[in-house]
All heavy atoms as atom14 arrays in JSON, in Angstrom:
{
  "sequence": "IAQAPLILDVLDSLNDGLLAAMSGSGATCFALYTSSAEARAKARD",
  "atom14_mask": [
    [1, 1, 1, 1, 1, 1, 1, 1, 0, 0, 0, 0, 0, 0],
    [1, 1, 1, 1, 1, 0, 0, 0, 0, 0, 0, 0, 0, 0],
    [1, 1, 1, 1, 1, 1, 1, 1, 1, 0, 0, 0, 0, 0],
    [1, 1, 1, 1, 1, 0, 0, 0, 0, 0, 0, 0, 0, 0],
    [1, 1, 1, 1, 1, 1, 1, 0, 0, 0, 0, 0, 0, 0],
    [1, 1, 1, 1, 1, 1, 1, 1, 0, 0, 0, 0, 0, 0],
    [1, 1, 1, 1, 1, 1, 1, 1, 0, 0, 0, 0, 0, 0],
    [1, 1, 1, 1, 1, 1, 1, 1, 0, 0, 0, 0, 0, 0],
    [1, 1, 1, 1, 1, 1, 1, 1, 0, 0, 0, 0, 0, 0],
    [1, 1, 1, 1, 1, 1, 1, 0, 0, 0, 0, 0, 0, 0],
    [1, 1, 1, 1, 1, 1, 1, 1, 0, 0, 0, 0, 0, 0],
    [1, 1, 1, 1, 1, 1, 1, 1, 0, 0, 0, 0, 0, 0],
    [1, 1, 1, 1, 1, 1, 0, 0, 0, 0, 0, 0, 0, 0],
    [1, 1, 1, 1, 1, 1, 1, 1, 0, 0, 0, 0, 0, 0],
    [1, 1, 1, 1, 1, 1, 1, 1, 0, 0, 0, 0, 0, 0],
    [1, 1, 1, 1, 1, 1, 1, 1, 0, 0, 0, 0, 0, 0],
    [1, 1, 1, 1, 0, 0, 0, 0, 0, 0, 0, 0, 0, 0],
    [1, 1, 1, 1, 1, 1, 1, 1, 0, 0, 0, 0, 0, 0],
    [1, 1, 1, 1, 1, 1, 1, 1, 0, 0, 0, 0, 0, 0],
    [1, 1, 1, 1, 1, 0, 0, 0, 0, 0, 0, 0, 0, 0],
    [1, 1, 1, 1, 1, 0, 0, 0, 0, 0, 0, 0, 0, 0],
    [1, 1, 1, 1, 1, 1, 1, 1, 0, 0, 0, 0, 0, 0],
    [1, 1, 1, 1, 1, 1, 0, 0, 0, 0, 0, 0, 0, 0],
    [1, 1, 1, 1, 0, 0, 0, 0, 0, 0, 0, 0, 0, 0],
    [1, 1, 1, 1, 1, 1, 0, 0, 0, 0, 0, 0, 0, 0],
    [1, 1, 1, 1, 0, 0, 0, 0, 0, 0, 0, 0, 0, 0],
    [1, 1, 1, 1, 1, 0, 0, 0, 0, 0, 0, 0, 0, 0],
    [1, 1, 1, 1, 1, 1, 1, 0, 0, 0, 0, 0, 0, 0],
    [1, 1, 1, 1, 1, 1, 0, 0, 0, 0, 0, 0, 0, 0],
    [1, 1, 1, 1, 1, 1, 1, 1, 1, 1, 1, 0, 0, 0],
    [1, 1, 1, 1, 1, 0, 0, 0, 0, 0, 0, 0, 0, 0],
    [1, 1, 1, 1, 1, 1, 1, 1, 0, 0, 0, 0, 0, 0],
    [1, 1, 1, 1, 1, 1, 1, 1, 1, 1, 1, 1, 0, 0],
    [1, 1, 1, 1, 1, 1, 1, 0, 0, 0, 0, 0, 0, 0],
    [1, 1, 1, 1, 1, 1, 0, 0, 0, 0, 0, 0, 0, 0],
    [1, 1, 1, 1, 1, 1, 0, 0, 0, 0, 0, 0, 0, 0],
    [1, 1, 1, 1, 1, 0, 0, 0, 0, 0, 0, 0, 0, 0],
    [1, 1, 1, 1, 1, 1, 1, 1, 1, 0, 0, 0, 0, 0],
    [1, 1, 1, 1, 1, 0, 0, 0, 0, 0, 0, 0, 0, 0],
    [1, 1, 1, 1, 1, 1, 1, 1, 1, 1, 1, 0, 0, 0],
    [1, 1, 1, 1, 1, 0, 0, 0, 0, 0, 0, 0, 0, 0],
    [1, 1, 1, 1, 1, 1, 1, 1, 1, 0, 0, 0, 0, 0],
    [1, 1, 1, 1, 1, 0, 0, 0, 0, 0, 0, 0, 0, 0],
    [1, 1, 1, 1, 1, 1, 1, 1, 1, 1, 1, 0, 0, 0],
    [1, 1, 1, 1, 1, 1, 1, 1, 0, 0, 0, 0, 0, 0]
  ],
  "atom14_positions": [
    [[282.11, 4.7, 2.09], [282.42, 3.73, 1.03], [282.51, 2.33, 1.61], [282.08, 1.35, 0.98], [283.71, 4.13, 0.31], [283.47, 5.4, -0.53], [284.23, 3.0, -0.57], [284.72, 5.99, -1.12], [0.0, 0.0, 0.0], [0.0, 0.0, 0.0], [0.0, 0.0, 0.0], [0.0, 0.0, 0.0], [0.0, 0.0, 0.0], [0.0, 0.0, 0.0]],
    [[283.06, 2.22, 2.82], [283.13, 0.91, 3.47], [281.73, 0.35, 3.73], [281.51, -0.87, 3.64], [283.91, 1.01, 4.78], [0.0, 0.0, 0.0], [0.0, 0.0, 0.0], [0.0, 0.0, 0.0], [0.0, 0.0, 0.0], [0.0, 0.0, 0.0], [0.0, 0.0, 0.0], [0.0, 0.0, 0.0], [0.0, 0.0, 0.0], [0.0, 0.0, 0.0]],
    [[280.77, 1.24, 4.01], [279.39, 0.81, 4.23], [278.67, 0.52, 2.91], [277.83, -0.37, 2.84], [278.62, 1.9, 4.98], [279.16, 2.24, 6.36], [278.89, 1.17, 7.38], [277.79, 0.62, 7.44], [279.87, 0.84, 8.2], [0.0, 0.0, 0.0], [0.0, 0.0, 0.0], [0.0, 0.0, 0.0], [0.0, 0.0, 0.0], [0.0, 0.0, 0.0]],
    [[279.02, 1.29, 1.87], [278.33, 1.18, 0.57], [279.35, 1.34, -0.55], [279.57, 2.45, -1.04], [277.24, 2.23, 0.47], [0.0, 0.0, 0.0], [0.0, 0.0, 0.0], [0.0, 0.0, 0.0], [0.0, 0.0, 0.0], [0.0, 0.0, 0.0], [0.0, 0.0, 0.0], [0.0, 0.0, 0.0], [0.0, 0.0, 0.0], [0.0, 0.0, 0.0]],
    [[280.01, 0.26, -0.96], [281.06, 0.36, -1.99], [280.58, 0.94, -3.32], [281.4, 1.41, -4.12], [281.51, -1.1, -2.16], [281.17, -1.76, -0.86], [279.9, -1.1, -0.4], [0.0, 0.0, 0.0], [0.0, 0.0, 0.0], [0.0, 0.0, 0.0], [0.0, 0.0, 0.0], [0.0, 0.0, 0.0], [0.0, 0.0, 0.0], [0.0, 0.0, 0.0]],
    [[279.27, 0.95, -3.55], [278.75, 1.5, -4.8], [279.09, 2.99, -4.94], [279.13, 3.52, -6.05], [277.23, 1.3, -4.86], [276.53, 1.68, -6.17], [277.12, 0.92, -7.36], [275.03, 1.43, -6.05], [0.0, 0.0, 0.0], [0.0, 0.0, 0.0], [0.0, 0.0, 0.0], [0.0, 0.0, 0.0], [0.0, 0.0, 0.0], [0.0, 0.0, 0.0]],
    [[279.38, 3.65, -3.82], [279.78, 5.06, -3.88], [281.03, 5.22, -4.74], [281.18, 6.22, -5.46], [280.0, 5.61, -2.46], [278.68, 5.64, -1.7], [280.63, 7.01, -2.5], [278.82, 5.99, -0.23], [0.0, 0.0, 0.0], [0.0, 0.0, 0.0], [0.0, 0.0, 0.0], [0.0, 0.0, 0.0], [0.0, 0.0, 0.0], [0.0, 0.0, 0.0]],
    [[281.93, 4.24, -4.69], [283.13, 4.3, -5.53], [282.77, 4.32, -7.01], [283.4, 5.03, -7.8], [284.04, 3.11, -5.23], [285.13, 3.3, -4.18], [285.95, 2.02, -4.05], [286.02, 4.49, -4.51], [0.0, 0.0, 0.0], [0.0, 0.0, 0.0], [0.0, 0.0, 0.0], [0.0, 0.0, 0.0], [0.0, 0.0, 0.0], [0.0, 0.0, 0.0]],
    [[281.76, 3.54, -7.38], [281.33, 3.54, -8.78], [280.8, 4.9, -9.2], [281.03, 5.36, -10.32], [280.26, 2.48, -9.0], [280.78, 1.06, -8.83], [282.01, 0.87, -8.91], [279.96, 0.15, -8.6], [0.0, 0.0, 0.0], [0.0, 0.0, 0.0], [0.0, 0.0, 0.0], [0.0, 0.0, 0.0], [0.0, 0.0, 0.0], [0.0, 0.0, 0.0]],
    [[280.08, 5.55, -8.29], [279.56, 6.88, -8.58], [280.71, 7.86, -8.78], [280.73, 8.64, -9.74], [278.64, 7.36, -7.45], [278.2, 8.81, -7.7], [277.42, 6.45, -7.32], [0.0, 0.0, 0.0], [0.0, 0.0, 0.0], [0.0, 0.0, 0.0], [0.0, 0.0, 0.0], [0.0, 0.0, 0.0], [0.0, 0.0, 0.0], [0.0, 0.0, 0.0]],
    [[281.68, 7.82, -7.88], [282.83, 8.72, -7.99], [283.6, 8.47, -9.29], [284.03, 9.41, -9.96], [283.75, 8.56, -6.78], [283.18, 9.07, -5.45], [284.07, 8.65, -4.3], [283.02, 10.59, -5.47], [0.0, 0.0, 0.0], [0.0, 0.0, 0.0], [0.0, 0.0, 0.0], [0.0, 0.0, 0.0], [0.0, 0.0, 0.0], [0.0, 0.0, 0.0]],
    [[283.76, 7.2, -9.65], [284.45, 6.88, -10.91], [283.68, 7.42, -12.11], [284.29, 7.88, -13.09], [284.62, 5.36, -11.05], [285.67, 4.8, -10.1], [286.49, 5.59, -9.58], [285.68, 3.58, -9.88], [0.0, 0.0, 0.0], [0.0, 0.0, 0.0], [0.0, 0.0, 0.0], [0.0, 0.0, 0.0], [0.0, 0.0, 0.0], [0.0, 0.0, 0.0]],
    [[282.36, 7.39, -12.03], [281.55, 7.87, -13.16], [281.65, 9.38, -13.32], [281.29, 9.92, -14.38], [280.09, 7.46, -12.97], [279.46, 8.25, -11.97], [0.0, 0.0, 0.0], [0.0, 0.0, 0.0], [0.0, 0.0, 0.0], [0.0, 0.0, 0.0], [0.0, 0.0, 0.0], [0.0, 0.0, 0.0], [0.0, 0.0, 0.0], [0.0, 0.0, 0.0]],
    [[282.12, 10.07, -12.28], [282.21, 11.53, -12.3], [283.65, 12.02, -12.45], [283.91, 13.21, -12.27], [281.61, 12.1, -11.01], [280.11, 11.89, -10.8], [279.7, 12.28, -9.39], [279.3, 12.67, -11.83], [0.0, 0.0, 0.0], [0.0, 0.0, 0.0], [0.0, 0.0, 0.0], [0.0, 0.0, 0.0], [0.0, 0.0, 0.0], [0.0, 0.0, 0.0]],
    [[284.57, 11.11, -12.8], [285.98, 11.5, -12.78], [286.4, 12.4, -13.93], [287.56, 12.81, -14.01], [286.88, 10.26, -12.72], [286.74, 9.35, -13.92], [286.13, 9.73, -14.93], [287.27, 8.14, -13.82], [0.0, 0.0, 0.0], [0.0, 0.0, 0.0], [0.0, 0.0, 0.0], [0.0, 0.0, 0.0], [0.0, 0.0, 0.0], [0.0, 0.0, 0.0]],
    [[285.46, 12.74, -14.81], [285.8, 13.68, -15.88], [285.58, 15.13, -15.46], [285.88, 16.06, -16.21], [284.97, 13.39, -17.13], [283.48, 13.54, -16.89], [283.04, 13.42, -15.72], [282.74, 13.79, -17.86], [0.0, 0.0, 0.0], [0.0, 0.0, 0.0], [0.0, 0.0, 0.0], [0.0, 0.0, 0.0], [0.0, 0.0, 0.0], [0.0, 0.0, 0.0]],
    [[285.05, 15.35, -14.26], [284.83, 16.7, -13.77], [286.1, 17.32, -13.22], [287.15, 16.66, -13.09], [0.0, 0.0, 0.0], [0.0, 0.0, 0.0], [0.0, 0.0, 0.0], [0.0, 0.0, 0.0], [0.0, 0.0, 0.0], [0.0, 0.0, 0.0], [0.0, 0.0, 0.0], [0.0, 0.0, 0.0], [0.0, 0.0, 0.0], [0.0, 0.0, 0.0]],
    [[286.01, 18.59, -12.86], [287.15, 19.26, -12.23], [287.45, 18.64, -10.87], [288.6, 18.65, -10.41], [286.84, 20.75, -12.05], [286.65, 21.56, -13.33], [286.15, 22.96, -12.98], [287.95, 21.64, -14.12], [0.0, 0.0, 0.0], [0.0, 0.0, 0.0], [0.0, 0.0, 0.0], [0.0, 0.0, 0.0], [0.0, 0.0, 0.0], [0.0, 0.0, 0.0]],
    [[286.44, 18.12, -10.22], [286.57, 17.49, -8.91], [285.36, 16.6, -8.71], [284.24, 16.98, -9.08], [286.61, 18.55, -7.8], [286.51, 18.0, -6.38], [287.9, 17.69, -5.85], [285.79, 18.97, -5.45], [0.0, 0.0, 0.0], [0.0, 0.0, 0.0], [0.0, 0.0, 0.0], [0.0, 0.0, 0.0], [0.0, 0.0, 0.0], [0.0, 0.0, 0.0]],
    [[285.56, 15.43, -8.15], [284.46, 14.55, -7.76], [284.64, 14.19, -6.3], [285.74, 13.81, -5.88], [284.42, 13.3, -8.63], [0.0, 0.0, 0.0], [0.0, 0.0, 0.0], [0.0, 0.0, 0.0], [0.0, 0.0, 0.0], [0.0, 0.0, 0.0], [0.0, 0.0, 0.0], [0.0, 0.0, 0.0], [0.0, 0.0, 0.0], [0.0, 0.0, 0.0]],
    [[283.58, 14.31, -5.51], [283.67, 14.01, -4.09], [282.28, 13.66, -3.58], [281.27, 13.83, -4.28], [284.24, 15.2, -3.32], [0.0, 0.0, 0.0], [0.0, 0.0, 0.0], [0.0, 0.0, 0.0], [0.0, 0.0, 0.0], [0.0, 0.0, 0.0], [0.0, 0.0, 0.0], [0.0, 0.0, 0.0], [0.0, 0.0, 0.0], [0.0, 0.0, 0.0]],
    [[282.22, 13.19, -2.34], [280.96, 12.83, -1.7], [280.51, 13.98, -0.83], [281.33, 14.66, -0.21], [281.15, 11.56, -0.87], [279.86, 10.96, -0.33], [280.17, 9.58, 0.82], [280.6, 10.49, 2.32], [0.0, 0.0, 0.0], [0.0, 0.0, 0.0], [0.0, 0.0, 0.0], [0.0, 0.0, 0.0], [0.0, 0.0, 0.0], [0.0, 0.0, 0.0]],
    [[279.21, 14.19, -0.72], [278.66, 15.22, 0.14], [278.18, 14.61, 1.45], [277.54, 13.55, 1.47], [277.48, 15.92, -0.55], [276.88, 16.87, 0.32], [0.0, 0.0, 0.0], [0.0, 0.0, 0.0], [0.0, 0.0, 0.0], [0.0, 0.0, 0.0], [0.0, 0.0, 0.0], [0.0, 0.0, 0.0], [0.0, 0.0, 0.0], [0.0, 0.0, 0.0]],
    [[278.47, 15.28, 2.54], [277.98, 14.85, 3.84], [278.4, 13.44, 4.18], [279.54, 13.03, 3.96], [0.0, 0.0, 0.0], [0.0, 0.0, 0.0], [0.0, 0.0, 0.0], [0.0, 0.0, 0.0], [0.0, 0.0, 0.0], [0.0, 0.0, 0.0], [0.0, 0.0, 0.0], [0.0, 0.0, 0.0], [0.0, 0.0, 0.0], [0.0, 0.0, 0.0]],
    [[277.45, 12.67, 4.69], [277.73, 11.28, 5.05], [277.33, 10.32, 3.94], [277.34, 9.12, 4.14], [276.97, 10.92, 6.34], [275.58, 11.1, 6.17], [0.0, 0.0, 0.0], [0.0, 0.0, 0.0], [0.0, 0.0, 0.0], [0.0, 0.0, 0.0], [0.0, 0.0, 0.0], [0.0, 0.0, 0.0], [0.0, 0.0, 0.0], [0.0, 0.0, 0.0]],
    [[276.99, 10.86, 2.73], [276.69, 10.02, 1.58], [275.22, 9.61, 1.54], [274.45, 9.88, 2.45], [0.0, 0.0, 0.0], [0.0, 0.0, 0.0], [0.0, 0.0, 0.0], [0.0, 0.0, 0.0], [0.0, 0.0, 0.0], [0.0, 0.0, 0.0], [0.0, 0.0, 0.0], [0.0, 0.0, 0.0], [0.0, 0.0, 0.0], [0.0, 0.0, 0.0]],
    [[274.84, 8.98, 0.44], [275.71, 8.49, -0.62], [275.77, 9.42, -1.83], [276.35, 9.07, -2.84], [275.22, 7.12, -1.08], [0.0, 0.0, 0.0], [0.0, 0.0, 0.0], [0.0, 0.0, 0.0], [0.0, 0.0, 0.0], [0.0, 0.0, 0.0], [0.0, 0.0, 0.0], [0.0, 0.0, 0.0], [0.0, 0.0, 0.0], [0.0, 0.0, 0.0]],
    [[275.18, 10.62, -1.74], [275.21, 11.53, -2.88], [276.61, 12.06, -3.11], [277.3, 12.49, -2.17], [274.25, 12.71, -2.66], [272.93, 12.21, -2.49], [274.27, 13.66, -3.86], [0.0, 0.0, 0.0], [0.0, 0.0, 0.0], [0.0, 0.0, 0.0], [0.0, 0.0, 0.0], [0.0, 0.0, 0.0], [0.0, 0.0, 0.0], [0.0, 0.0, 0.0]],
    [[277.04, 12.03, -4.37], [278.33, 12.58, -4.77], [278.09, 13.73, -5.74], [277.02, 13.85, -6.34], [279.19, 11.51, -5.43], [279.56, 10.1, -4.35], [0.0, 0.0, 0.0], [0.0, 0.0, 0.0], [0.0, 0.0, 0.0], [0.0, 0.0, 0.0], [0.0, 0.0, 0.0], [0.0, 0.0, 0.0], [0.0, 0.0, 0.0], [0.0, 0.0, 0.0]],
    [[279.1, 14.57, -5.88], [278.99, 15.7, -6.79], [280.27, 15.82, -7.6], [281.35, 15.39, -7.19], [278.74, 17.01, -6.02], [279.87, 17.41, -5.1], [280.89, 18.23, -5.55], [279.9, 16.98, -3.78], [281.93, 18.61, -4.71], [280.94, 17.34, -2.93], [281.96, 18.16, -3.4], [0.0, 0.0, 0.0], [0.0, 0.0, 0.0], [0.0, 0.0, 0.0]],
    [[280.12, 16.41, -8.78], [281.27, 16.77, -9.6], [281.08, 18.19, -10.09], [279.95, 18.6, -10.38], [281.43, 15.82, -10.78], [0.0, 0.0, 0.0], [0.0, 0.0, 0.0], [0.0, 0.0, 0.0], [0.0, 0.0, 0.0], [0.0, 0.0, 0.0], [0.0, 0.0, 0.0], [0.0, 0.0, 0.0], [0.0, 0.0, 0.0], [0.0, 0.0, 0.0]],
    [[282.18, 18.94, -10.17], [282.14, 20.32, -10.62], [282.53, 20.41, -12.09], [283.44, 19.71, -12.53], [283.09, 21.18, -9.78], [282.92, 21.13, -8.26], [283.85, 22.13, -7.58], [281.47, 21.38, -7.86], [0.0, 0.0, 0.0], [0.0, 0.0, 0.0], [0.0, 0.0, 0.0], [0.0, 0.0, 0.0], [0.0, 0.0, 0.0], [0.0, 0.0, 0.0]],
    [[281.85, 21.29, -12.81], [282.11, 21.47, -14.25], [282.22, 22.97, -14.55], [281.78, 23.81, -13.76], [281.01, 20.82, -15.08], [281.0, 19.31, -14.95], [280.23, 18.69, -13.97], [281.79, 18.53, -15.78], [280.26, 17.3, -13.82], [281.82, 17.14, -15.64], [281.05, 16.54, -14.66], [281.07, 15.17, -14.51], [0.0, 0.0, 0.0], [0.0, 0.0, 0.0]],
    [[282.79, 23.27, -15.69], [283.07, 24.66, -16.03], [281.87, 25.4, -16.62], [281.89, 26.62, -16.7], [284.25, 24.74, -17.02], [283.93, 23.96, -18.18], [285.53, 24.23, -16.39], [0.0, 0.0, 0.0], [0.0, 0.0, 0.0], [0.0, 0.0, 0.0], [0.0, 0.0, 0.0], [0.0, 0.0, 0.0], [0.0, 0.0, 0.0], [0.0, 0.0, 0.0]],
    [[280.84, 24.68, -17.04], [279.7, 25.34, -17.65], [278.42, 24.55, -17.41], [278.46, 23.34, -17.12], [279.91, 25.5, -19.16], [279.84, 24.24, -19.81], [0.0, 0.0, 0.0], [0.0, 0.0, 0.0], [0.0, 0.0, 0.0], [0.0, 0.0, 0.0], [0.0, 0.0, 0.0], [0.0, 0.0, 0.0], [0.0, 0.0, 0.0], [0.0, 0.0, 0.0]],
    [[277.3, 25.25, -17.56], [276.0, 24.6, -17.43], [275.81, 23.55, -18.51], [275.28, 22.46, -18.26], [274.89, 25.65, -17.51], [273.63, 25.05, -17.52], [0.0, 0.0, 0.0], [0.0, 0.0, 0.0], [0.0, 0.0, 0.0], [0.0, 0.0, 0.0], [0.0, 0.0, 0.0], [0.0, 0.0, 0.0], [0.0, 0.0, 0.0], [0.0, 0.0, 0.0]],
    [[276.24, 23.86, -19.74], [276.08, 22.91, -20.85], [276.85, 21.62, -20.57], [276.35, 20.52, -20.85], [276.56, 23.55, -22.15], [0.0, 0.0, 0.0], [0.0, 0.0, 0.0], [0.0, 0.0, 0.0], [0.0, 0.0, 0.0], [0.0, 0.0, 0.0], [0.0, 0.0, 0.0], [0.0, 0.0, 0.0], [0.0, 0.0, 0.0], [0.0, 0.0, 0.0]],
    [[278.04, 21.75, -20.02], [278.85, 20.56, -19.73], [278.19, 19.72, -18.64], [278.14, 18.48, -18.73], [280.26, 21.0, -19.29], [281.26, 19.87, -19.18], [282.65, 20.34, -18.81], [282.82, 21.54, -18.5], [283.58, 19.51, -18.84], [0.0, 0.0, 0.0], [0.0, 0.0, 0.0], [0.0, 0.0, 0.0], [0.0, 0.0, 0.0], [0.0, 0.0, 0.0]],
    [[277.66, 20.38, -17.62], [277.0, 19.64, -16.54], [275.73, 18.95, -17.04], [275.46, 17.79, -16.69], [276.68, 20.59, -15.39], [0.0, 0.0, 0.0], [0.0, 0.0, 0.0], [0.0, 0.0, 0.0], [0.0, 0.0, 0.0], [0.0, 0.0, 0.0], [0.0, 0.0, 0.0], [0.0, 0.0, 0.0], [0.0, 0.0, 0.0], [0.0, 0.0, 0.0]],
    [[274.94, 19.64, -17.85], [273.72, 19.04, -18.37], [274.03, 17.85, -19.28], [273.32, 16.82, -19.24], [272.89, 20.08, -19.12], [272.28, 21.16, -18.25], [271.14, 21.88, -18.98], [271.6, 22.4, -20.26], [272.08, 23.61, -20.47], [272.22, 24.44, -19.45], [272.43, 24.02, -21.68], [0.0, 0.0, 0.0], [0.0, 0.0, 0.0], [0.0, 0.0, 0.0]],
    [[275.07, 17.97, -20.1], [275.44, 16.86, -20.98], [275.89, 15.65, -20.16], [275.53, 14.5, -20.48], [276.55, 17.3, -21.93], [0.0, 0.0, 0.0], [0.0, 0.0, 0.0], [0.0, 0.0, 0.0], [0.0, 0.0, 0.0], [0.0, 0.0, 0.0], [0.0, 0.0, 0.0], [0.0, 0.0, 0.0], [0.0, 0.0, 0.0], [0.0, 0.0, 0.0]],
    [[276.65, 15.89, -19.11], [277.09, 14.8, -18.25], [275.88, 14.13, -17.59], [275.8, 12.89, -17.51], [278.05, 15.32, -17.18], [278.54, 14.25, -16.22], [279.36, 13.19, -16.94], [279.9, 12.16, -15.98], [280.74, 11.14, -16.66], [0.0, 0.0, 0.0], [0.0, 0.0, 0.0], [0.0, 0.0, 0.0], [0.0, 0.0, 0.0], [0.0, 0.0, 0.0]],
    [[274.94, 14.94, -17.11], [273.75, 14.38, -16.47], [272.95, 13.52, -17.44], [272.46, 12.44, -17.08], [272.88, 15.51, -15.91], [0.0, 0.0, 0.0], [0.0, 0.0, 0.0], [0.0, 0.0, 0.0], [0.0, 0.0, 0.0], [0.0, 0.0, 0.0], [0.0, 0.0, 0.0], [0.0, 0.0, 0.0], [0.0, 0.0, 0.0], [0.0, 0.0, 0.0]],
    [[272.81, 13.98, -18.68], [272.08, 13.19, -19.67], [272.76, 11.84, -19.91], [272.09, 10.8, -20.01], [271.97, 13.96, -20.99], [270.96, 15.1, -20.97], [270.66, 15.58, -22.38], [271.86, 16.1, -23.04], [272.24, 17.38, -23.01], [271.53, 18.27, -22.33], [273.32, 17.77, -23.66], [0.0, 0.0, 0.0], [0.0, 0.0, 0.0], [0.0, 0.0, 0.0]],
    [[274.08, 11.85, -19.99], [274.81, 10.59, -20.2], [274.58, 9.63, -19.03], [274.36, 8.42, -19.24], [276.3, 10.87, -20.37], [276.63, 11.57, -21.68], [275.77, 11.57, -22.58], [277.75, 12.12, -21.8], [0.0, 0.0, 0.0], [0.0, 0.0, 0.0], [0.0, 0.0, 0.0], [0.0, 0.0, 0.0], [0.0, 0.0, 0.0], [0.0, 0.0, 0.0]]
  ]
}
């Protein structure tokens, strides 16, 4: 995040999931959801 503060924006955009975190050394982040429909709807948004 210190190298790329935009990662914080990504994490904030995923804060409706069960968990939001960064994978590896970044910048990809992930969020966990309870169903496929919920994940697909979030992705569309």
